[in-house]
Amino acid sequence: MPERRLSPLGVIGLGLALIAFVCLILLGNWQVRRLHWKEGLLATIEARLASPPVPLADIETMAGDGADIRYRPVTVTGTFDHDRERHYFATFEGLSGYYVYTPLRLEDGRIVFVNRGFVPFDRKNAATRAEGQVEGPVTIAGLSRERLPEKPSFLVPENDLSKNIFYWKDLDAMAASAGLGAETVLPFFIDAGDAANPGGLPVGGVTRISFPNNHLQYAITWYGLAAVLAIGIGVLVIRRRRNRD
C-alpha cells in the first residue's frame, strides 16, 4: 500500500500549529522577563520606602540627572500658597473627591507642588476647611513623585481648568492656571505623608503604591496552552502513524 502523504490542507494546518506553538512559547518567555523586571521594581520601591528622607536638593539633583525619583522619601520646608491650590479628581477609601495640590513656596522663591491629601466633594472649597489651611513656614515629610509627560490615555478626560478640576497631573497646566508663570516651578511633585492637618483635612498619606504582578500567571497560561497544543499535535501524529501501519 503506498504511503499516504498529508494533504495540502493538512500541511498548512500543521505549519500553522507549529507557528502557534512557537508564538505561545515566546509569549511565555516574555512574561517571565516581565516577572523578573516587576520583582526588581518592587524590591527597589520597598528599599526606597524604607530609606531615610533626603533633602529636597537631593531630589532636584537626581531629577536633573534624569534619575528615577519615584517614591523617594524627602523633606522640604516652605510656605503654602493656599489661594492657588489645584484640585485633582480622585477616590480615597471608597469616597470620591479631590487631592489638593498646593504650591509650596521655598525660601529662595521657587515653587514645588505638594499633594496635601484628600478632601471630599463637598469640601472642595477651601473656605469649608479653613482650619487646615496652615499659615507660615512648615516642614513637609513625604514622597517625591514624577511629572507626567503627557495624558496617560485617551480615555482620561481633559483637565477642566475653568473649574479647577484636573483628571491627570499636568504640571505645566497646574502652574499656569494657578498664575505661576513667572516663578520657577520644580519639575516634580511631593506627596505629603500622613501627618494630621488641623481640622482633619486634607487627609494626608494618600500615595498609592500598587504594582499588579500577574506575570507568573500569564506565563503559566501561555506555557500551558503551548503544552496543550503540543500534546494535540503529538496525538494527531501518533494516530496518523497507526493508521498508516
Protein backbone atom coordinates (compact mmCIF):
# COMPACT_ATOMS: atom_id res chain seq x y z
CA MET A 1 0.00 0.00 0.00
CA PRO A 2 1.54 3.35 -0.96
CA GLU A 3 2.36 5.70 1.88
CA ARG A 4 -0.32 8.33 2.37
CA ARG A 5 1.02 11.85 2.47
CA LEU A 6 -0.50 14.83 4.18
CA SER A 7 -2.96 16.75 2.09
CA PRO A 8 -2.14 20.38 1.27
CA LEU A 9 -4.64 21.47 3.93
CA GLY A 10 -3.01 19.12 6.41
CA VAL A 11 0.42 20.58 5.71
CA ILE A 12 -0.93 24.12 6.15
CA GLY A 13 -2.69 23.13 9.37
CA LEU A 14 0.46 21.53 10.79
CA GLY A 15 2.52 24.58 9.83
CA LEU A 16 0.07 26.94 11.50
CA ALA A 17 0.05 24.77 14.61
CA LEU A 18 3.85 24.87 14.81
CA ILE A 19 3.84 28.65 14.35
CA ALA A 20 1.23 28.99 17.10
CA PHE A 21 3.34 26.78 19.40
CA VAL A 22 6.42 28.95 18.86
CA CYS A 23 4.39 32.12 19.47
CA LEU A 24 2.98 30.74 22.72
CA ILE A 25 6.47 29.85 23.96
CA LEU A 26 7.73 33.32 23.07
CA LEU A 27 4.81 34.93 24.92
CA GLY A 28 5.57 32.81 27.96
CA ASN A 29 9.23 33.81 27.84
CA TRP A 30 8.24 37.47 27.57
CA GLN A 31 6.05 37.19 30.66
CA VAL A 32 8.92 35.57 32.58
CA ARG A 33 11.15 38.52 31.67
CA ARG A 34 8.37 40.89 32.75
CA LEU A 35 8.09 38.98 36.02
CA HIS A 36 11.78 39.45 36.79
CA TRP A 37 11.52 43.15 35.89
CA LYS A 38 8.45 43.65 38.11
CA GLU A 39 10.06 41.84 41.05
CA GLY A 40 13.13 44.05 40.71
CA LEU A 41 10.96 47.17 40.59
CA LEU A 42 9.02 46.15 43.70
CA ALA A 43 12.24 45.43 45.56
CA THR A 44 13.60 48.84 44.55
CA ILE A 45 10.45 50.65 45.70
CA GLU A 46 10.40 48.79 49.01
CA ALA A 47 14.05 49.71 49.61
CA ARG A 48 13.30 53.37 48.85
CA LEU A 49 10.34 53.48 51.20
CA ALA A 50 12.48 52.06 53.99
CA SER A 51 15.28 54.59 53.45
CA PRO A 52 15.60 57.82 55.48
CA PRO A 53 14.25 61.02 53.91
CA VAL A 54 16.64 63.19 51.93
CA PRO A 55 16.67 66.98 51.48
CA LEU A 56 14.81 68.46 48.54
CA ALA A 57 18.12 69.42 46.94
CA ASP A 58 18.99 65.73 46.51
CA ILE A 59 15.75 65.09 44.64
CA GLU A 60 16.43 68.11 42.45
CA THR A 61 19.86 66.74 41.57
CA MET A 62 18.50 63.30 40.74
CA ALA A 63 15.70 64.76 38.64
CA GLY A 64 18.17 66.96 36.79
CA ASP A 65 20.33 63.92 36.05
CA GLY A 66 17.36 62.00 34.70
CA ALA A 67 17.34 59.53 37.60
CA ASP A 68 14.19 57.81 38.81
CA ILE A 69 12.80 59.84 41.72
CA ARG A 70 9.58 57.89 42.28
CA TYR A 71 8.66 57.19 45.91
CA ARG A 72 11.84 58.59 47.42
CA PRO A 73 11.31 59.93 50.96
CA VAL A 74 12.03 63.66 51.11
CA THR A 75 11.65 66.62 53.43
CA VAL A 76 11.00 70.19 52.35
CA THR A 77 10.37 73.47 54.15
CA GLY A 78 8.37 76.36 52.79
CA THR A 79 5.12 78.30 52.97
CA PHE A 80 1.89 77.17 51.36
CA ASP A 81 0.15 79.45 48.89
CA HIS A 82 -3.36 78.22 49.61
CA ASP A 83 -5.07 80.66 47.27
CA ARG A 84 -3.50 78.81 44.32
CA GLU A 85 -4.30 75.21 45.26
CA ARG A 86 -5.28 72.89 42.41
CA HIS A 87 -7.77 70.02 42.68
CA TYR A 88 -7.15 66.58 41.20
CA PHE A 89 -10.16 64.28 40.87
CA ALA A 90 -9.57 61.15 42.95
CA THR A 91 -11.07 58.45 45.14
CA PHE A 92 -9.85 57.54 48.59
CA GLU A 93 -11.10 54.74 50.82
CA GLY A 94 -14.29 54.41 48.78
CA LEU A 95 -15.06 58.13 48.68
CA SER A 96 -14.90 60.42 45.66
CA GLY A 97 -13.37 63.85 45.93
CA TYR A 98 -10.10 65.59 45.21
CA TYR A 99 -6.43 65.56 46.05
CA VAL A 100 -5.37 69.07 46.98
CA TYR A 101 -2.18 70.16 45.19
CA THR A 102 -0.88 73.33 46.82
CA PRO A 103 2.15 75.39 45.74
CA LEU A 104 4.79 75.39 48.47
CA ARG A 105 6.98 78.48 48.20
CA LEU A 106 10.58 77.81 49.19
CA GLU A 107 12.86 80.33 50.87
CA ASP A 108 14.50 81.16 47.55
CA GLY A 109 11.13 81.90 45.92
CA ARG A 110 10.84 78.73 43.88
CA ILE A 111 7.71 76.57 43.96
CA VAL A 112 7.04 72.87 44.40
CA PHE A 113 3.53 71.46 44.21
CA VAL A 114 2.62 69.35 47.24
CA ASN A 115 -0.21 66.86 47.25
CA ARG A 116 -1.52 67.63 50.73
CA GLY A 117 -4.10 64.86 50.59
CA PHE A 118 -7.76 64.07 50.06
CA VAL A 119 -10.91 66.14 50.60
CA PRO A 120 -14.50 65.01 49.81
CA PHE A 121 -16.54 66.65 47.06
CA ASP A 122 -18.38 68.95 49.44
CA ARG A 123 -15.11 70.23 50.93
CA LYS A 124 -13.50 71.30 47.66
CA ASN A 125 -13.98 74.95 48.59
CA ALA A 126 -11.09 75.86 50.86
CA ALA A 127 -13.43 78.03 52.95
CA THR A 128 -15.12 74.86 54.24
CA ARG A 129 -11.83 73.63 55.73
CA ALA A 130 -10.16 76.86 56.78
CA GLU A 131 -8.66 75.25 59.87
CA GLY A 132 -6.48 73.03 57.70
CA GLN A 133 -5.05 75.93 55.68
CA VAL A 134 -1.95 76.23 57.83
CA GLU A 135 -0.07 79.51 57.69
CA GLY A 136 3.62 80.30 57.95
CA PRO A 137 6.66 78.08 57.35
CA VAL A 138 6.03 74.34 57.51
CA THR A 139 8.23 71.28 57.06
CA ILE A 140 6.69 68.51 54.98
CA ALA A 141 7.83 64.90 55.00
CA GLY A 142 6.62 62.92 52.03
CA LEU A 143 7.48 61.10 48.83
CA SER A 144 8.76 62.56 45.58
CA ARG A 145 6.64 61.83 42.52
CA GLU A 146 7.49 62.22 38.85
CA ARG A 147 5.64 64.53 36.50
CA LEU A 148 3.72 63.06 33.58
CA PRO A 149 5.00 63.97 30.12
CA GLU A 150 1.54 63.57 28.56
CA LYS A 151 -2.00 62.42 29.23
CA PRO A 152 -1.75 58.73 30.16
CA SER A 153 -4.65 57.60 27.95
CA PHE A 154 -7.23 58.95 25.52
CA LEU A 155 -9.83 57.58 27.93
CA VAL A 156 -8.78 60.12 30.56
CA PRO A 157 -10.91 63.30 30.34
CA GLU A 158 -9.32 66.63 29.54
CA ASN A 159 -8.50 68.81 32.53
CA ASP A 160 -11.20 71.39 33.25
CA LEU A 161 -9.12 74.46 34.03
CA SER A 162 -12.10 76.78 34.34
CA LYS A 163 -13.48 74.68 37.22
CA ASN A 164 -10.04 73.86 38.66
CA ILE A 165 -10.56 70.11 38.19
CA PHE A 166 -7.65 68.01 36.96
CA TYR A 167 -8.05 64.47 35.69
CA TRP A 168 -4.36 63.94 35.09
CA LYS A 169 -1.33 65.60 36.66
CA ASP A 170 -0.34 68.15 34.04
CA LEU A 171 2.25 70.13 35.97
CA ASP A 172 2.54 72.89 33.38
CA ALA A 173 -1.25 73.39 33.31
CA MET A 174 -1.41 73.39 37.10
CA ALA A 175 1.25 76.07 37.30
CA ALA A 176 -0.20 78.20 34.51
CA SER A 177 -3.78 78.01 35.80
CA ALA A 178 -2.52 78.98 39.26
CA GLY A 179 -0.85 82.07 37.81
CA LEU A 180 2.68 80.86 38.46
CA GLY A 181 4.10 81.68 35.04
CA ALA A 182 6.94 83.90 36.28
CA GLU A 183 8.03 81.72 39.21
CA THR A 184 10.28 78.70 38.91
CA VAL A 185 8.22 75.55 39.47
CA LEU A 186 10.23 72.42 40.23
CA PRO A 187 9.64 69.61 37.69
CA PHE A 188 8.15 67.08 40.10
CA PHE A 189 5.56 66.73 42.86
CA ILE A 190 5.72 65.80 46.52
CA ASP A 191 3.06 63.65 48.16
CA ALA A 192 2.72 64.67 51.79
CA GLY A 193 2.89 61.97 54.44
CA ASP A 194 0.15 61.02 56.87
CA ALA A 195 0.82 63.74 59.44
CA ALA A 196 -2.59 65.07 60.52
CA ASN A 197 -3.67 68.52 59.37
CA PRO A 198 -5.65 70.80 61.71
CA GLY A 199 -9.33 70.00 61.40
CA GLY A 200 -8.51 66.67 59.75
CA LEU A 201 -8.46 67.95 56.15
CA PRO A 202 -6.85 67.36 53.80
CA VAL A 203 -6.23 63.72 54.75
CA GLY A 204 -2.55 63.09 54.07
CA GLY A 205 -0.70 59.91 53.23
CA VAL A 206 -2.76 59.11 50.15
CA THR A 207 0.05 57.84 47.95
CA ARG A 208 -0.97 54.63 46.23
CA ILE A 209 1.87 52.19 45.80
CA SER A 210 0.32 49.35 43.85
CA PHE A 211 2.01 47.40 41.09
CA PRO A 212 -0.09 44.41 39.95
CA ASN A 213 2.17 41.43 39.42
CA ASN A 214 0.29 38.78 37.45
CA HIS A 215 3.11 37.90 35.10
CA LEU A 216 3.66 34.43 36.59
CA GLN A 217 0.01 33.56 35.98
CA TYR A 218 0.25 34.84 32.43
CA ALA A 219 3.45 32.86 31.81
CA ILE A 220 1.84 29.66 33.12
CA THR A 221 -1.16 30.30 30.88
CA TRP A 222 0.94 30.71 27.74
CA TYR A 223 3.15 27.73 28.53
CA GLY A 224 0.05 25.68 29.37
CA LEU A 225 -1.55 26.49 26.03
CA ALA A 226 1.70 25.59 24.30
CA ALA A 227 1.74 22.25 26.13
CA VAL A 228 -1.87 21.51 25.18
CA LEU A 229 -1.12 22.35 21.56
CA ALA A 230 1.99 20.16 21.57
CA ILE A 231 0.01 17.25 23.05
CA GLY A 232 -2.67 17.73 20.41
CA ILE A 233 -0.12 17.68 17.60
CA GLY A 234 1.52 14.61 19.12
CA VAL A 235 -1.79 12.75 19.34
CA LEU A 236 -2.55 13.51 15.68
CA VAL A 237 0.89 12.33 14.59
CA ILE A 238 0.57 9.07 16.55
CA ARG A 239 -2.88 8.39 15.14
CA ARG A 240 -1.64 9.00 11.62
CA ARG A 241 1.23 6.58 12.09
CA ARG A 242 -1.11 3.91 13.47
CA ASN A 243 -3.49 4.36 10.57
CA ARG A 244 -0.62 4.16 8.15
CA ASP A 245 0.65 0.95 9.75
